[in-house]
Amino acid sequence: MLRIGMLTSGGDCQALNAAMRGVVKGLCSKRDDVEIYGFQDGYKGLIYSNFKMLTSRDFSGILTLGGTILGTSRQPFKLMRVPDENGLDKVEAMKHTYHKLNLDCLVVLGGNGTHKTANMLSEEGLNVITLPKTIDNDLWGTDMTFGFQSAVDIATDTIDKIHTTATSHSRVFIIEVMGHKVGWVTLHAGIAGGADIILLPEIPYDINAVVDAIEKRDKAGKKFTIIAVAEGAISKGDAALSKKELKEKKEKKKYPSVAYELAERIQKKSDKEVRITVPGHTQRGGSPCPYDRVLATRLGAAAAQAILEGKYGYMLGTKNQDIIRVPLKEVAGKLKYVDPNASIIKEAKMTGISFGDE
């Protein structure tokens, strides 16, 4: 009997169900003796032994379904070694659940924080395989994460729709895209949607350079400007602050988000009307795009193959379109940032896109 535990952790995204389906189909195509334990609401289900038995039938018809049939929750890695309100040792509780069910492997789908905990469990002696889930595409060790392209498609569609009203009213429109620490979604959606200015966390912006780019368009007879800004974008002034100073500034909460601060600063330096659009969690929702369905299915099937071979302690990722196995210890705690000197940035600048840095 092959006993597999599965859980989805952290923020949800498109293609989680598609990835789990790939794992189960891959295993069941090779073996008839597979038991699947689905843990409810991420690591919380593993901690408190909240699970349900699943069969291959539970994974039929979910390829196009967004969200996750197992539910998810955020369990910060930094609190995993901290006992809960009842004094429960969470790590020991997870290990107890794993051994109580006599699992052969735990399959974990998640992002950066999720992988830190997955690596910890692997180091504690559990057989763990992970799949790279995040709209941010910021997991180290893989070219692509599932959920990313679907989020890009939604953000791009938002920018596309803003173009018509921006043109009609000769306004500056700011579209705030998800991405606290990295700007992959904003970068790709900005280029795909024809944004004039793209502001990323990795490239601190100068408000004067942003206004100059708007005025340059105005002088060229282009009466509107589209700005795609990552929610974690930061000005050069703020980037120069210490962590303590920046934290104190954010705690004052003068602005609901970066887009509102940016809008106020632009309006003070120009005579342009500025409007803000925040697609927010729509970027995580809906059906996965075809690209993500394919990617998630491939990753899931590759995870099944690793399990059948008894190769544990790996994240399945992609490199040059191929599926690869990356040791968890190499993935945990690392983020994949946008390189300000990357060719995609240089090429975007060649087309006239401003990144607010010059």
Protein backbone atom coordinates (compact mmCIF):
# COMPACT_ATOMS: atom_id res chain seq x y z
CA MET A 1 0.00 0.00 0.00
CA LEU A 2 1.27 3.47 -0.98
CA ARG A 3 -0.01 6.12 1.44
CA ILE A 4 0.28 9.74 0.32
CA GLY A 5 -0.60 12.90 2.25
CA MET A 6 -1.37 16.12 0.36
CA LEU A 7 -1.85 19.71 1.43
CA THR A 8 -2.00 23.18 -0.10
CA SER A 9 -0.55 26.00 1.98
CA GLY A 10 -0.33 29.80 1.86
CA GLY A 11 -2.27 32.04 -0.50
CA ASP A 12 -4.36 30.17 -3.04
CA CYS A 13 -3.93 30.49 -6.79
CA GLN A 14 -5.07 28.94 -10.03
CA ALA A 15 -4.01 25.36 -10.93
CA LEU A 16 -3.61 23.98 -7.41
CA ASN A 17 -6.31 21.45 -8.21
CA ALA A 18 -4.74 20.73 -11.58
CA ALA A 19 -1.40 19.98 -9.91
CA MET A 20 -2.94 17.63 -7.32
CA ARG A 21 -4.83 15.92 -10.10
CA GLY A 22 -1.55 15.38 -11.94
CA VAL A 23 0.00 13.73 -8.87
CA VAL A 24 -2.94 11.39 -8.28
CA LYS A 25 -3.37 10.44 -11.93
CA GLY A 26 0.35 9.79 -12.21
CA LEU A 27 0.36 7.49 -9.17
CA CYS A 28 -2.87 5.68 -10.00
CA SER A 29 -1.78 5.00 -13.57
CA LYS A 30 1.07 2.88 -12.18
CA ARG A 31 -0.33 1.41 -8.99
CA ASP A 32 -3.72 0.19 -7.78
CA ASP A 33 -2.90 0.35 -4.07
CA VAL A 34 -2.77 4.12 -3.47
CA GLU A 35 -4.34 5.76 -0.42
CA ILE A 36 -4.64 9.55 -0.41
CA TYR A 37 -5.00 11.63 2.73
CA GLY A 38 -6.00 15.23 2.04
CA PHE A 39 -5.12 17.60 4.89
CA GLN A 40 -7.59 20.43 5.36
CA ASP A 41 -6.46 24.06 5.34
CA GLY A 42 -2.75 23.53 4.77
CA TYR A 43 -0.30 22.77 7.56
CA LYS A 44 -3.10 23.41 10.06
CA GLY A 45 -4.68 20.14 8.95
CA LEU A 46 -1.39 18.31 9.43
CA ILE A 47 -0.86 19.87 12.87
CA TYR A 48 -4.33 19.03 14.17
CA SER A 49 -4.79 15.80 12.21
CA ASN A 50 -7.73 17.20 10.24
CA PHE A 51 -7.90 15.20 7.03
CA LYS A 52 -10.17 13.28 4.74
CA MET A 53 -9.62 10.14 2.76
CA LEU A 54 -9.74 10.74 -0.98
CA THR A 55 -9.90 8.53 -4.04
CA SER A 56 -8.96 9.14 -7.65
CA ARG A 57 -12.61 10.03 -8.30
CA ASP A 58 -12.21 13.13 -6.12
CA PHE A 59 -9.66 14.45 -8.57
CA SER A 60 -11.79 14.03 -11.68
CA GLY A 61 -13.29 17.17 -13.20
CA ILE A 62 -11.05 19.59 -11.30
CA LEU A 63 -8.49 20.44 -14.00
CA THR A 64 -10.21 23.75 -14.74
CA LEU A 65 -11.32 24.49 -11.17
CA GLY A 66 -9.68 27.43 -9.40
CA GLY A 67 -8.86 27.53 -5.71
CA THR A 68 -8.14 24.31 -3.85
CA ILE A 69 -10.46 21.46 -2.91
CA LEU A 70 -8.43 20.97 0.28
CA GLY A 71 -8.61 24.55 1.52
CA THR A 72 -5.56 26.52 2.61
CA SER A 73 -4.25 28.79 5.35
CA ARG A 74 -1.17 30.81 6.16
CA GLN A 75 1.01 29.29 8.87
CA PRO A 76 4.07 31.57 9.16
CA PHE A 77 7.33 29.64 9.26
CA LYS A 78 8.70 31.85 12.03
CA LEU A 79 5.87 30.64 14.30
CA MET A 80 6.22 26.93 13.53
CA ARG A 81 8.57 26.38 16.47
CA VAL A 82 6.31 28.44 18.74
CA PRO A 83 3.72 26.35 20.68
CA ASP A 84 0.06 27.15 19.99
CA GLU A 85 -2.27 28.69 22.58
CA ASN A 86 -2.65 25.29 24.24
CA GLY A 87 1.08 24.64 24.39
CA LEU A 88 1.06 22.19 21.46
CA ASP A 89 4.42 21.65 19.75
CA LYS A 90 3.40 22.12 16.11
CA VAL A 91 6.41 20.40 14.58
CA GLU A 92 6.05 17.34 16.77
CA ALA A 93 2.31 17.32 16.08
CA MET A 94 2.91 17.27 12.31
CA LYS A 95 5.41 14.45 12.66
CA HIS A 96 2.98 12.53 14.87
CA THR A 97 0.17 12.85 12.31
CA TYR A 98 2.50 11.72 9.53
CA HIS A 99 3.63 8.61 11.43
CA LYS A 100 0.18 7.86 12.83
CA LEU A 101 -1.15 7.54 9.30
CA ASN A 102 1.94 5.61 8.26
CA LEU A 103 2.46 7.89 5.27
CA ASP A 104 5.06 7.10 2.65
CA CYS A 105 5.26 10.69 1.46
CA LEU A 106 3.83 14.14 2.08
CA VAL A 107 3.13 16.22 -1.05
CA VAL A 108 3.13 19.95 -0.32
CA LEU A 109 1.97 22.64 -2.73
CA GLY A 110 3.01 26.15 -1.80
CA GLY A 111 5.24 29.17 -2.07
CA ASN A 112 8.25 30.53 -0.23
CA GLY A 113 7.09 30.22 3.39
CA THR A 114 5.53 26.86 2.67
CA HIS A 115 8.84 25.57 1.35
CA LYS A 116 10.68 26.66 4.48
CA THR A 117 8.38 24.46 6.56
CA ALA A 118 8.54 21.64 4.01
CA ASN A 119 12.33 21.67 4.19
CA MET A 120 12.18 21.65 7.98
CA LEU A 121 9.93 18.58 7.92
CA SER A 122 12.30 16.92 5.47
CA GLU A 123 15.21 17.60 7.82
CA GLU A 124 13.10 16.11 10.62
CA GLY A 125 13.05 12.84 8.69
CA LEU A 126 9.76 12.95 6.78
CA ASN A 127 9.55 12.03 3.10
CA VAL A 128 8.51 15.27 1.40
CA ILE A 129 7.93 16.29 -2.22
CA THR A 130 6.86 19.84 -3.12
CA LEU A 131 5.31 21.66 -6.05
CA PRO A 132 5.95 25.39 -6.76
CA LYS A 133 2.73 27.32 -6.29
CA THR A 134 2.64 31.12 -6.35
CA ILE A 135 1.34 33.86 -8.60
CA ASP A 136 4.52 35.81 -7.78
CA ASN A 137 6.87 33.42 -9.62
CA ASP A 138 9.44 34.17 -6.92
CA LEU A 139 10.49 30.67 -5.88
CA TRP A 140 14.20 30.07 -6.31
CA GLY A 141 15.20 27.06 -8.40
CA THR A 142 12.41 27.09 -10.97
CA ASP A 143 11.90 29.18 -14.09
CA MET A 144 8.15 29.13 -13.62
CA THR A 145 5.56 28.55 -10.90
CA PHE A 146 1.97 27.60 -11.63
CA GLY A 147 -0.51 30.38 -10.97
CA PHE A 148 1.83 33.02 -12.36
CA GLN A 149 0.63 33.08 -15.94
CA SER A 150 -3.02 33.09 -14.90
CA ALA A 151 -2.37 36.11 -12.66
CA VAL A 152 -0.50 37.85 -15.48
CA ASP A 153 -3.45 37.25 -17.81
CA ILE A 154 -5.88 38.83 -15.33
CA ALA A 155 -3.66 41.83 -14.61
CA THR A 156 -3.07 42.31 -18.34
CA ASP A 157 -6.82 42.21 -19.01
CA THR A 158 -7.28 44.93 -16.40
CA ILE A 159 -4.68 47.13 -18.07
CA ASP A 160 -6.27 46.47 -21.47
CA LYS A 161 -9.65 47.66 -20.20
CA ILE A 162 -8.19 50.75 -18.53
CA HIS A 163 -6.69 51.88 -21.83
CA THR A 164 -10.04 52.88 -23.32
CA THR A 165 -11.23 55.01 -20.41
CA ALA A 166 -7.77 56.53 -19.93
CA THR A 167 -7.75 57.57 -23.59
CA SER A 168 -11.26 59.01 -23.39
CA HIS A 169 -10.54 61.18 -20.35
CA SER A 170 -6.85 62.03 -20.89
CA ARG A 171 -5.98 60.81 -17.43
CA VAL A 172 -3.15 59.05 -15.66
CA PHE A 173 -4.24 55.62 -14.52
CA ILE A 174 -2.38 53.59 -11.91
CA ILE A 175 -3.01 49.86 -11.86
CA GLU A 176 -1.70 48.29 -8.66
CA VAL A 177 -0.63 44.69 -9.27
CA MET A 178 0.10 42.04 -6.63
CA GLY A 179 3.72 41.55 -5.60
CA HIS A 180 5.07 42.69 -2.23
CA LYS A 181 8.70 41.70 -2.64
CA VAL A 182 9.10 40.88 -6.33
CA GLY A 183 7.72 42.38 -9.49
CA TRP A 184 7.38 39.52 -11.96
CA VAL A 185 3.60 39.82 -12.41
CA THR A 186 3.76 43.59 -12.79
CA LEU A 187 6.65 43.37 -15.24
CA HIS A 188 4.99 40.83 -17.53
CA ALA A 189 1.49 42.32 -17.29
CA GLY A 190 2.88 45.80 -17.79
CA ILE A 191 4.70 44.86 -20.97
CA ALA A 192 1.80 42.74 -22.27
CA GLY A 193 -0.75 45.45 -21.50
CA GLY A 194 1.25 48.29 -23.03
CA ALA A 195 1.87 50.18 -19.80
CA ASP A 196 3.93 53.33 -20.23
CA ILE A 197 5.53 53.20 -16.79
CA ILE A 198 6.29 50.06 -14.75
CA LEU A 199 7.36 50.35 -11.12
CA LEU A 200 8.87 47.33 -9.37
CA PRO A 201 10.16 46.58 -5.84
CA GLU A 202 13.55 45.73 -7.32
CA ILE A 203 13.98 49.11 -9.04
CA PRO A 204 13.38 52.04 -6.64
CA TYR A 205 11.73 54.90 -8.49
CA ASP A 206 12.32 58.65 -8.54
CA ILE A 207 9.02 60.53 -8.53
CA ASN A 208 10.57 63.23 -10.71
CA ALA A 209 11.48 60.62 -13.32
CA VAL A 210 7.90 59.32 -13.22
CA VAL A 211 6.44 62.79 -13.73
CA ASP A 212 8.98 63.52 -16.49
CA ALA A 213 7.83 60.39 -18.33
CA ILE A 214 4.20 61.55 -18.06
CA GLU A 215 5.05 65.05 -19.30
CA LYS A 216 7.14 63.65 -22.16
CA ARG A 217 4.11 61.71 -23.37
CA ASP A 218 1.94 64.79 -23.00
CA LYS A 219 4.30 66.87 -25.15
CA ALA A 220 4.26 64.13 -27.77
CA GLY A 221 0.48 64.48 -27.98
CA LYS A 222 -0.26 61.40 -25.90
CA LYS A 223 -2.73 62.72 -23.35
CA PHE A 224 -2.96 59.66 -21.12
CA THR A 225 -0.47 57.50 -19.23
CA ILE A 226 -0.82 53.96 -17.89
CA ILE A 227 1.29 53.09 -14.84
CA ALA A 228 1.58 49.48 -13.68
CA VAL A 229 2.89 49.46 -10.12
CA ALA A 230 3.69 46.47 -7.94
CA GLU A 231 2.18 46.73 -4.47
CA GLY A 232 5.70 46.52 -3.05
CA ALA A 233 7.20 49.23 -5.28
CA ILE A 234 9.36 51.67 -3.36
CA SER A 235 10.73 55.15 -4.00
CA LYS A 236 14.43 55.89 -3.94
CA GLY A 237 13.86 57.99 -0.84
CA ASP A 238 12.20 55.15 1.04
CA ALA A 239 14.79 52.65 -0.21
CA ALA A 240 17.44 54.77 1.49
CA LEU A 241 15.70 54.49 4.88
CA SER A 242 16.74 51.93 7.46
CA LYS A 243 14.39 49.00 8.05
CA LYS A 244 13.32 50.58 11.33
CA GLU A 245 12.60 53.95 9.71
CA LEU A 246 10.68 52.37 6.85
CA LYS A 247 8.63 50.28 9.27
CA GLU A 248 7.77 53.35 11.32
CA LYS A 249 6.67 55.19 8.19
CA LYS A 250 4.42 52.33 7.07
CA GLU A 251 2.88 52.05 10.53
CA LYS A 252 1.59 55.62 10.21
CA LYS A 253 -0.62 54.30 7.41
CA LYS A 254 -1.20 57.59 5.68
CA TYR A 255 -2.02 55.79 2.46
CA PRO A 256 -4.07 52.60 1.91
CA SER A 257 -1.40 51.32 -0.49
CA VAL A 258 1.48 52.39 -2.70
CA ALA A 259 -0.83 53.42 -5.56
CA TYR A 260 -2.48 56.12 -3.43
CA GLU A 261 0.81 57.58 -2.31
CA LEU A 262 2.05 57.59 -5.89
CA ALA A 263 -1.15 59.25 -7.13
CA GLU A 264 -0.91 62.05 -4.58
CA ARG A 265 2.73 62.72 -5.40
CA ILE A 266 2.02 62.81 -9.15
CA GLN A 267 -0.91 65.19 -8.70
CA LYS A 268 1.23 67.56 -6.62
CA LYS A 269 3.85 67.73 -9.38
CA SER A 270 1.58 67.83 -12.43
CA ASP A 271 -1.84 69.04 -13.52
CA LYS A 272 -2.99 65.55 -14.49
CA GLU A 273 -6.03 63.80 -13.08
CA VAL A 274 -4.99 60.46 -11.59
CA ARG A 275 -7.22 57.43 -11.08
CA ILE A 276 -6.41 54.15 -9.35
CA THR A 277 -7.46 50.59 -10.13
CA VAL A 278 -6.61 47.69 -7.83
CA PRO A 279 -7.56 44.27 -9.28
CA GLY A 280 -6.49 42.72 -5.96
CA HIS A 281 -7.48 39.13 -5.30
CA THR A 282 -9.09 38.72 -8.72
CA GLN A 283 -5.50 37.95 -9.76
CA ARG A 284 -5.65 34.77 -7.66
CA GLY A 285 -9.12 33.73 -8.75
CA GLY A 286 -10.97 32.02 -11.53
CA SER A 287 -9.96 29.12 -13.73
CA PRO A 288 -6.30 28.49 -14.52
CA CYS A 289 -5.20 29.54 -17.98
CA PRO A 290 -4.20 26.76 -20.43
CA TYR A 291 -0.49 27.37 -19.79
CA ASP A 292 -0.91 26.81 -16.06
CA ARG A 293 -3.05 23.72 -16.61
CA VAL A 294 -0.29 22.18 -18.69
CA LEU A 295 2.48 23.22 -16.29
CA ALA A 296 0.64 22.01 -13.19
CA THR A 297 -0.19 18.69 -14.83
CA ARG A 298 3.43 18.14 -15.84
CA LEU A 299 4.73 19.04 -12.40
CA GLY A 300 2.17 16.80 -10.73
CA ALA A 301 3.05 13.86 -12.96
CA ALA A 302 6.77 14.43 -12.31
CA ALA A 303 6.08 14.45 -8.57
CA ALA A 304 4.30 11.11 -8.93
CA GLN A 305 7.33 9.70 -10.73
CA ALA A 306 9.65 10.90 -7.95
CA ILE A 307 7.43 9.23 -5.35
CA LEU A 308 7.37 5.97 -7.28
CA GLU A 309 11.17 6.08 -7.43
CA GLY A 310 11.43 6.91 -3.72
CA LYS A 311 13.23 10.17 -4.46
CA TYR A 312 12.24 12.52 -1.64
CA GLY A 313 13.38 15.91 -0.39
CA TYR A 314 12.88 17.68 -3.72
CA MET A 315 10.82 20.45 -5.27
CA LEU A 316 9.74 19.80 -8.84
CA GLY A 317 10.48 22.83 -10.98
CA THR A 318 11.22 23.88 -14.55
CA LYS A 319 14.38 24.86 -16.37
CA ASN A 320 14.45 25.59 -20.08
CA GLN A 321 11.01 23.96 -20.45
CA ASP A 322 12.18 20.72 -18.80
CA ILE A 323 10.97 19.44 -15.42
CA ILE A 324 13.76 19.21 -12.86
CA ARG A 325 14.20 18.10 -9.26
CA VAL A 326 15.64 20.75 -6.95
CA PRO A 327 16.78 19.82 -3.41
CA LEU A 328 14.51 21.45 -0.83
CA LYS A 329 17.48 22.72 1.15
CA GLU A 330 18.49 24.79 -1.88
CA VAL A 331 15.01 26.27 -2.30
CA ALA A 332 14.02 27.14 1.27
CA GLY A 333 14.51 30.75 2.28
CA LYS A 334 15.51 32.05 -1.16
CA LEU A 335 13.57 34.38 -3.42
CA LYS A 336 13.92 34.83 -7.16
CA TYR A 337 13.97 38.58 -7.79
CA VAL A 338 13.72 40.53 -11.02
CA ASP A 339 17.27 41.48 -12.00
CA PRO A 340 17.31 45.24 -12.80
CA ASN A 341 19.96 44.48 -15.43
CA ALA A 342 18.08 41.58 -17.03
CA SER A 343 17.58 41.62 -20.77
CA ILE A 344 13.78 41.85 -20.40
CA ILE A 345 14.22 45.18 -18.56
CA LYS A 346 16.61 46.51 -21.20
CA GLU A 347 14.26 45.42 -24.00
CA ALA A 348 11.28 47.02 -22.29
CA LYS A 349 13.20 50.27 -21.98
CA MET A 350 14.06 50.07 -25.68
CA THR A 351 10.34 50.24 -26.44
CA GLY A 352 10.00 53.42 -24.40
CA ILE A 353 8.75 52.00 -21.12
CA SER A 354 9.96 53.95 -18.09
CA PHE A 355 10.86 52.19 -14.85
CA GLY A 356 11.04 55.47 -12.96
CA ASP A 357 14.75 55.14 -12.29
CA GLU A 358 16.14 57.50 -14.92
